[in-house]
Amino acid sequence: MNWVLIASNMTSVSLSLVCWWLAHLYGRCKPPGRSIAGCYALVGFTVLLTMLVRNLGVDLRPVVPWLIVITKTVLTVTFLLVIVRRYKLGDR
């Protein structure tokens, strides 16, 4: 293992923990809180899945770029839902 892979693994785990915490926070909020929570959960899951595929050496390495695209797409949707929620609450 090189230092970049170790740093990538550590940031993947920390990002997944942050997504888990945010999913729990938004899960109890007014709409679209549960949608935001679901998106955070998906982001955390795809980040962990990408990390596992990279580290296990399974023949799924061609899948990694698509997992990264899916993660970015879900993260974009999550941010848009947060913007909608803040707009509805009058927090501009």
C-alpha atoms as a PDB file:
ATOM      1  CA  MET A   1       0.000   0.000   0.000  1.00  0.00           C
ATOM      2  CA  ASN A   2       1.231   3.458  -0.750  1.00  0.00           C
ATOM      3  CA  TRP A   3       0.495   6.661   1.145  1.00  0.00           C
ATOM      4  CA  VAL A   4      -2.063   7.919  -1.367  1.00  0.00           C
ATOM      5  CA  LEU A   5      -4.131   4.748  -1.030  1.00  0.00           C
ATOM      6  CA  ILE A   6      -3.944   4.932   2.773  1.00  0.00           C
ATOM      7  CA  ALA A   7      -5.027   8.588   2.704  1.00  0.00           C
ATOM      8  CA  SER A   8      -7.826   7.726   0.276  1.00  0.00           C
ATOM      9  CA  ASN A   9      -9.060   4.943   2.555  1.00  0.00           C
ATOM     10  CA  MET A  10      -8.990   7.178   5.624  1.00  0.00           C
ATOM     11  CA  THR A  11     -10.911   9.957   3.894  1.00  0.00           C
ATOM     12  CA  SER A  12     -13.427   7.455   2.503  1.00  0.00           C
ATOM     13  CA  VAL A  13     -14.160   6.101   5.964  1.00  0.00           C
ATOM     14  CA  SER A  14     -14.383   9.577   7.488  1.00  0.00           C
ATOM     15  CA  LEU A  15     -16.700  10.761   4.697  1.00  0.00           C
ATOM     16  CA  SER A  16     -18.920   7.726   5.222  1.00  0.00           C
ATOM     17  CA  LEU A  17     -19.135   8.475   8.955  1.00  0.00           C
ATOM     18  CA  VAL A  18     -20.044  12.097   8.255  1.00  0.00           C
ATOM     19  CA  CYS A  19     -22.708  10.998   5.756  1.00  0.00           C
ATOM     20  CA  TRP A  20     -24.084   8.553   8.326  1.00  0.00           C
ATOM     21  CA  TRP A  21     -24.318  11.332  10.918  1.00  0.00           C
ATOM     22  CA  LEU A  22     -25.954  13.770   8.477  1.00  0.00           C
ATOM     23  CA  ALA A  23     -28.428  11.101   7.378  1.00  0.00           C
ATOM     24  CA  HIS A  24     -29.521  10.687  10.986  1.00  0.00           C
ATOM     25  CA  LEU A  25     -29.835  14.448  11.455  1.00  0.00           C
ATOM     26  CA  TYR A  26     -31.880  15.032   8.307  1.00  0.00           C
ATOM     27  CA  GLY A  27     -34.007  11.915   8.788  1.00  0.00           C
ATOM     28  CA  ARG A  28     -36.071  13.689  11.435  1.00  0.00           C
ATOM     29  CA  CYS A  29     -36.461  17.010   9.595  1.00  0.00           C
ATOM     30  CA  LYS A  30     -39.380  18.397   7.649  1.00  0.00           C
ATOM     31  CA  PRO A  31     -39.613  17.532   3.949  1.00  0.00           C
ATOM     32  CA  PRO A  32     -37.480  17.061   1.959  1.00  0.00           C
ATOM     33  CA  GLY A  33     -35.455  15.959   5.000  1.00  0.00           C
ATOM     34  CA  ARG A  34     -35.917  12.242   4.476  1.00  0.00           C
ATOM     35  CA  SER A  35     -34.950  12.525   0.825  1.00  0.00           C
ATOM     36  CA  ILE A  36     -31.807  14.368   1.879  1.00  0.00           C
ATOM     37  CA  ALA A  37     -31.108  11.659   4.465  1.00  0.00           C
ATOM     38  CA  GLY A  38     -31.518   8.958   1.835  1.00  0.00           C
ATOM     39  CA  CYS A  39     -29.135  10.746  -0.505  1.00  0.00           C
ATOM     40  CA  TYR A  40     -26.520  11.101   2.231  1.00  0.00           C
ATOM     41  CA  ALA A  41     -26.875   7.390   2.954  1.00  0.00           C
ATOM     42  CA  LEU A  42     -26.372   6.598  -0.745  1.00  0.00           C
ATOM     43  CA  VAL A  43     -23.285   8.815  -0.910  1.00  0.00           C
ATOM     44  CA  GLY A  44     -21.770   7.052   2.099  1.00  0.00           C
ATOM     45  CA  PHE A  45     -22.599   3.647   0.644  1.00  0.00           C
ATOM     46  CA  THR A  46     -21.128   4.380  -2.787  1.00  0.00           C
ATOM     47  CA  VAL A  47     -17.958   5.824  -1.236  1.00  0.00           C
ATOM     48  CA  LEU A  48     -17.482   2.683   0.866  1.00  0.00           C
ATOM     49  CA  LEU A  49     -18.254   0.452  -2.112  1.00  0.00           C
ATOM     50  CA  THR A  50     -15.688   2.308  -4.230  1.00  0.00           C
ATOM     51  CA  MET A  51     -13.106   1.907  -1.469  1.00  0.00           C
ATOM     52  CA  LEU A  52     -13.778  -1.816  -1.159  1.00  0.00           C
ATOM     53  CA  VAL A  53     -13.592  -2.444  -4.906  1.00  0.00           C
ATOM     54  CA  ARG A  54     -10.281  -0.573  -5.100  1.00  0.00           C
ATOM     55  CA  ASN A  55      -8.741  -2.454  -2.179  1.00  0.00           C
ATOM     56  CA  LEU A  56      -9.982  -6.008  -2.634  1.00  0.00           C
ATOM     57  CA  GLY A  57      -8.437  -6.412  -6.055  1.00  0.00           C
ATOM     58  CA  VAL A  58     -11.617  -7.907  -7.460  1.00  0.00           C
ATOM     59  CA  ASP A  59     -12.050  -7.821 -11.229  1.00  0.00           C
ATOM     60  CA  LEU A  60     -14.494  -4.950 -10.828  1.00  0.00           C
ATOM     61  CA  ARG A  61     -11.918  -2.234 -11.432  1.00  0.00           C
ATOM     62  CA  PRO A  62     -13.712  -1.020 -14.607  1.00  0.00           C
ATOM     63  CA  VAL A  63     -16.712  -0.323 -12.356  1.00  0.00           C
ATOM     64  CA  VAL A  64     -14.832   2.199 -10.170  1.00  0.00           C
ATOM     65  CA  PRO A  65     -15.174   5.168 -12.566  1.00  0.00           C
ATOM     66  CA  TRP A  66     -18.927   4.561 -12.753  1.00  0.00           C
ATOM     67  CA  LEU A  67     -19.168   4.387  -8.966  1.00  0.00           C
ATOM     68  CA  ILE A  68     -17.425   7.743  -8.794  1.00  0.00           C
ATOM     69  CA  VAL A  69     -19.880   9.207 -11.331  1.00  0.00           C
ATOM     70  CA  ILE A  70     -22.823   7.822  -9.334  1.00  0.00           C
ATOM     71  CA  THR A  71     -21.414   9.280  -6.117  1.00  0.00           C
ATOM     72  CA  LYS A  72     -21.030  12.715  -7.684  1.00  0.00           C
ATOM     73  CA  THR A  73     -24.539  12.579  -9.148  1.00  0.00           C
ATOM     74  CA  VAL A  74     -26.113  11.626  -5.816  1.00  0.00           C
ATOM     75  CA  LEU A  75     -24.084  14.316  -4.060  1.00  0.00           C
ATOM     76  CA  THR A  76     -25.338  16.913  -6.565  1.00  0.00           C
ATOM     77  CA  VAL A  77     -28.954  15.850  -5.968  1.00  0.00           C
ATOM     78  CA  THR A  78     -28.348  16.017  -2.214  1.00  0.00           C
ATOM     79  CA  PHE A  79     -27.017  19.552  -2.423  1.00  0.00           C
ATOM     80  CA  LEU A  80     -29.962  20.598  -4.594  1.00  0.00           C
ATOM     81  CA  LEU A  81     -32.393  19.169  -2.024  1.00  0.00           C
ATOM     82  CA  VAL A  82     -30.600  21.053   0.752  1.00  0.00           C
ATOM     83  CA  ILE A  83     -30.955  24.250  -1.301  1.00  0.00           C
ATOM     84  CA  VAL A  84     -34.689  23.581  -1.767  1.00  0.00           C
ATOM     85  CA  ARG A  85     -35.133  22.899   1.936  1.00  0.00           C
ATOM     86  CA  ARG A  86     -33.308  26.063   2.963  1.00  0.00           C
ATOM     87  CA  TYR A  87     -35.355  28.082   0.460  1.00  0.00           C
ATOM     88  CA  LYS A  88     -38.610  26.658   1.854  1.00  0.00           C
ATOM     89  CA  LEU A  89     -37.544  27.511   5.396  1.00  0.00           C
ATOM     90  CA  GLY A  90     -36.781  31.079   4.333  1.00  0.00           C
ATOM     91  CA  ASP A  91     -33.081  30.762   5.037  1.00  0.00           C
ATOM     92  CA  ARG A  92     -31.629  32.533   2.021  1.00  0.00           C
END
